[in-house]
Amino acid sequence: MRIGSGIDVHAFGPGDHIMLGGVRVPHSRGVVAHSDGDVVLHALTDALLGAAGLGDIGQHFQDTDPRWKGADSKRFVRGALEMLRARKLRVGNADVTVLAEAPKLAPIREQIRQGLEQLLEVPPGAVNVKATTTEKLGFLGRAEGIAAQAVVLLLDAP
């Protein structure tokens, strides 16, 4: 049994949507990022890699590599899962928190949760998704960006 955590932050920039957990969410701003800037999937990738002792997302999917320009961040999670399988590890559960003043997560929470369960190949109920604000404090409170945290439990694969 191994536990890993991840965090990701992106500044808001030009655009009309953001990606959260693989879901396209209409928003008044986009994010500044090399890939699609999905903070949920980036934090989740770091948590998976960290739990397995495999470093971090930047070591495996460098933001200077043109292959990842505009990339769907599901590719990073899938890549991390391949590395886990090679080490005979599987995901037991995951817990994700989005930190932002906006957009509100409630309308899409279930869609994100179900998508993450499918992506991680875990049974229903093995992924939790929640959101919080920073009570208008700091760069997140000023709506300058968005952040996510993820914690995962890895188990030995059968």
Protein backbone atom coordinates (compact mmCIF):
# COMPACT_ATOMS: atom_id res chain seq x y z
CA MET A 1 0.00 0.00 0.00
CA ARG A 2 1.40 3.38 -1.04
CA ILE A 3 0.02 6.92 -0.74
CA GLY A 4 0.81 9.86 -3.00
CA SER A 5 -0.25 13.47 -3.22
CA GLY A 6 -0.18 16.03 -5.99
CA ILE A 7 -0.98 19.68 -6.48
CA ASP A 8 -1.26 21.84 -9.57
CA VAL A 9 -1.94 25.53 -10.17
CA HIS A 10 -2.61 27.47 -13.36
CA ALA A 11 -3.17 31.16 -13.91
CA PHE A 12 -6.26 32.26 -15.78
CA GLY A 13 -5.72 33.75 -19.21
CA PRO A 14 -7.55 34.22 -22.48
CA GLY A 15 -10.22 31.69 -23.37
CA ASP A 16 -13.82 30.67 -22.91
CA HIS A 17 -13.45 27.38 -21.00
CA ILE A 18 -11.24 25.35 -18.69
CA MET A 19 -10.71 21.63 -18.43
CA LEU A 20 -11.43 20.03 -15.05
CA GLY A 21 -10.98 16.30 -14.64
CA GLY A 22 -11.37 15.81 -18.37
CA VAL A 23 -14.59 17.84 -18.54
CA ARG A 24 -14.78 20.99 -20.67
CA VAL A 25 -16.27 23.67 -18.43
CA PRO A 26 -17.52 26.95 -19.92
CA HIS A 27 -15.84 29.84 -18.13
CA SER A 28 -15.13 33.51 -18.69
CA ARG A 29 -11.38 32.73 -18.87
CA GLY A 30 -9.08 29.96 -20.00
CA VAL A 31 -5.81 28.90 -18.36
CA VAL A 32 -2.21 29.60 -19.25
CA ALA A 33 -0.64 26.19 -19.87
CA HIS A 34 1.47 24.16 -22.30
CA SER A 35 -1.06 21.31 -22.41
CA ASP A 36 -4.82 21.70 -21.90
CA GLY A 37 -4.07 22.94 -18.36
CA ASP A 38 -6.36 20.50 -16.53
CA VAL A 39 -5.33 21.12 -12.90
CA VAL A 40 -7.28 18.08 -11.68
CA LEU A 41 -5.57 15.65 -14.03
CA HIS A 42 -2.15 17.24 -13.46
CA ALA A 43 -2.50 16.92 -9.67
CA LEU A 44 -3.77 13.36 -10.11
CA THR A 45 -0.81 12.45 -12.34
CA ASP A 46 1.61 13.81 -9.73
CA ALA A 47 -0.16 11.86 -6.98
CA LEU A 48 0.05 8.62 -8.99
CA LEU A 49 3.70 9.12 -9.82
CA GLY A 50 4.56 10.19 -6.28
CA ALA A 51 2.89 7.19 -4.69
CA ALA A 52 4.94 4.89 -6.91
CA GLY A 53 8.18 6.79 -6.24
CA LEU A 54 8.42 7.82 -9.90
CA GLY A 55 9.09 11.53 -9.56
CA ASP A 56 6.66 14.08 -10.92
CA ILE A 57 4.74 15.09 -14.03
CA GLY A 58 7.49 17.45 -15.20
CA GLN A 59 10.03 14.64 -15.34
CA HIS A 60 7.87 12.49 -17.60
CA PHE A 61 5.83 15.05 -19.57
CA GLN A 62 8.03 18.15 -19.83
CA ASP A 63 6.33 21.42 -20.66
CA THR A 64 9.16 22.19 -23.07
CA ASP A 65 8.38 19.12 -25.20
CA PRO A 66 6.33 20.01 -28.29
CA ARG A 67 4.56 16.62 -28.09
CA TRP A 68 2.59 17.92 -25.13
CA LYS A 69 1.60 21.30 -26.63
CA GLY A 70 -2.19 21.51 -26.21
CA ALA A 71 -2.28 17.84 -25.15
CA ASP A 72 -5.29 16.24 -23.51
CA SER A 73 -4.14 15.71 -19.92
CA LYS A 74 -5.78 12.28 -19.85
CA ARG A 75 -2.66 11.19 -21.73
CA PHE A 76 -0.57 12.03 -18.66
CA VAL A 77 -2.80 9.99 -16.35
CA ARG A 78 -2.79 7.07 -18.78
CA GLY A 79 1.00 7.27 -19.02
CA ALA A 80 1.31 7.20 -15.24
CA LEU A 81 -1.08 4.23 -15.06
CA GLU A 82 1.10 2.33 -17.55
CA MET A 83 4.10 2.95 -15.30
CA LEU A 84 2.10 1.67 -12.31
CA ARG A 85 1.04 -1.49 -14.15
CA ALA A 86 4.68 -2.18 -15.00
CA ARG A 87 5.37 -2.09 -11.25
CA LYS A 88 2.37 -4.30 -10.45
CA LEU A 89 0.46 -1.45 -8.78
CA ARG A 90 -3.17 -0.34 -9.15
CA VAL A 91 -5.26 2.53 -7.84
CA GLY A 92 -7.28 1.79 -4.71
CA ASN A 93 -8.96 5.17 -4.43
CA ALA A 94 -8.46 8.85 -5.16
CA ASP A 95 -9.57 12.06 -3.46
CA VAL A 96 -9.47 15.34 -5.40
CA THR A 97 -10.06 18.93 -4.25
CA VAL A 98 -10.48 21.88 -6.62
CA LEU A 99 -9.59 25.28 -5.14
CA ALA A 100 -11.22 28.22 -6.92
CA GLU A 101 -13.73 31.01 -6.53
CA ALA A 102 -15.19 30.05 -9.93
CA PRO A 103 -16.36 28.08 -11.75
CA LYS A 104 -18.69 26.32 -9.33
CA LEU A 105 -18.08 22.58 -9.29
CA ALA A 106 -21.51 21.39 -8.10
CA PRO A 107 -23.12 21.20 -11.57
CA ILE A 108 -20.31 19.01 -12.97
CA ARG A 109 -18.99 17.21 -9.89
CA GLU A 110 -20.66 13.89 -10.70
CA GLN A 111 -19.53 13.99 -14.33
CA ILE A 112 -15.94 14.59 -13.22
CA ARG A 113 -16.12 11.85 -10.58
CA GLN A 114 -17.49 9.24 -12.97
CA GLY A 115 -14.97 10.20 -15.65
CA LEU A 116 -12.09 9.86 -13.20
CA GLU A 117 -13.34 6.45 -12.05
CA GLN A 118 -13.40 5.30 -15.66
CA LEU A 119 -9.98 6.80 -16.41
CA LEU A 120 -8.42 5.24 -13.29
CA GLU A 121 -10.20 1.92 -13.90
CA VAL A 122 -11.65 1.80 -10.39
CA PRO A 123 -15.13 0.78 -9.19
CA PRO A 124 -17.89 3.29 -8.44
CA GLY A 125 -17.27 5.06 -5.15
CA ALA A 126 -13.47 4.86 -5.39
CA VAL A 127 -13.10 8.52 -6.42
CA ASN A 128 -14.20 11.56 -4.44
CA VAL A 129 -14.30 15.07 -5.91
CA LYS A 130 -14.85 18.20 -3.85
CA ALA A 131 -14.30 21.92 -4.13
CA THR A 132 -13.52 24.84 -1.87
CA THR A 133 -12.78 28.51 -2.15
CA THR A 134 -10.08 30.45 -0.35
CA GLU A 135 -12.65 32.90 1.06
CA LYS A 136 -11.42 35.58 -1.38
CA LEU A 137 -7.85 35.35 -0.01
CA GLY A 138 -4.71 35.24 -2.15
CA PHE A 139 -4.38 34.76 -5.90
CA LEU A 140 -7.11 32.12 -5.91
CA GLY A 141 -9.45 34.38 -3.95
CA ARG A 142 -8.80 37.19 -6.41
CA ALA A 143 -9.80 34.76 -9.21
CA GLU A 144 -6.37 34.96 -10.83
CA GLY A 145 -6.14 31.20 -11.25
CA ILE A 146 -7.26 27.76 -10.22
CA ALA A 147 -5.65 24.92 -8.26
CA ALA A 148 -6.27 21.27 -7.46
CA GLN A 149 -4.96 18.75 -4.97
CA ALA A 150 -5.13 14.98 -5.29
CA VAL A 151 -4.36 12.09 -2.98
CA VAL A 152 -4.26 8.49 -4.15
CA LEU A 153 -3.87 5.10 -2.54
CA LEU A 154 -2.04 2.50 -4.58
CA LEU A 155 -2.41 -1.21 -3.92
CA ASP A 156 -0.49 -4.22 -5.18
CA ALA A 157 -2.09 -5.52 -8.37
CA PRO A 158 -3.44 -9.05 -8.18
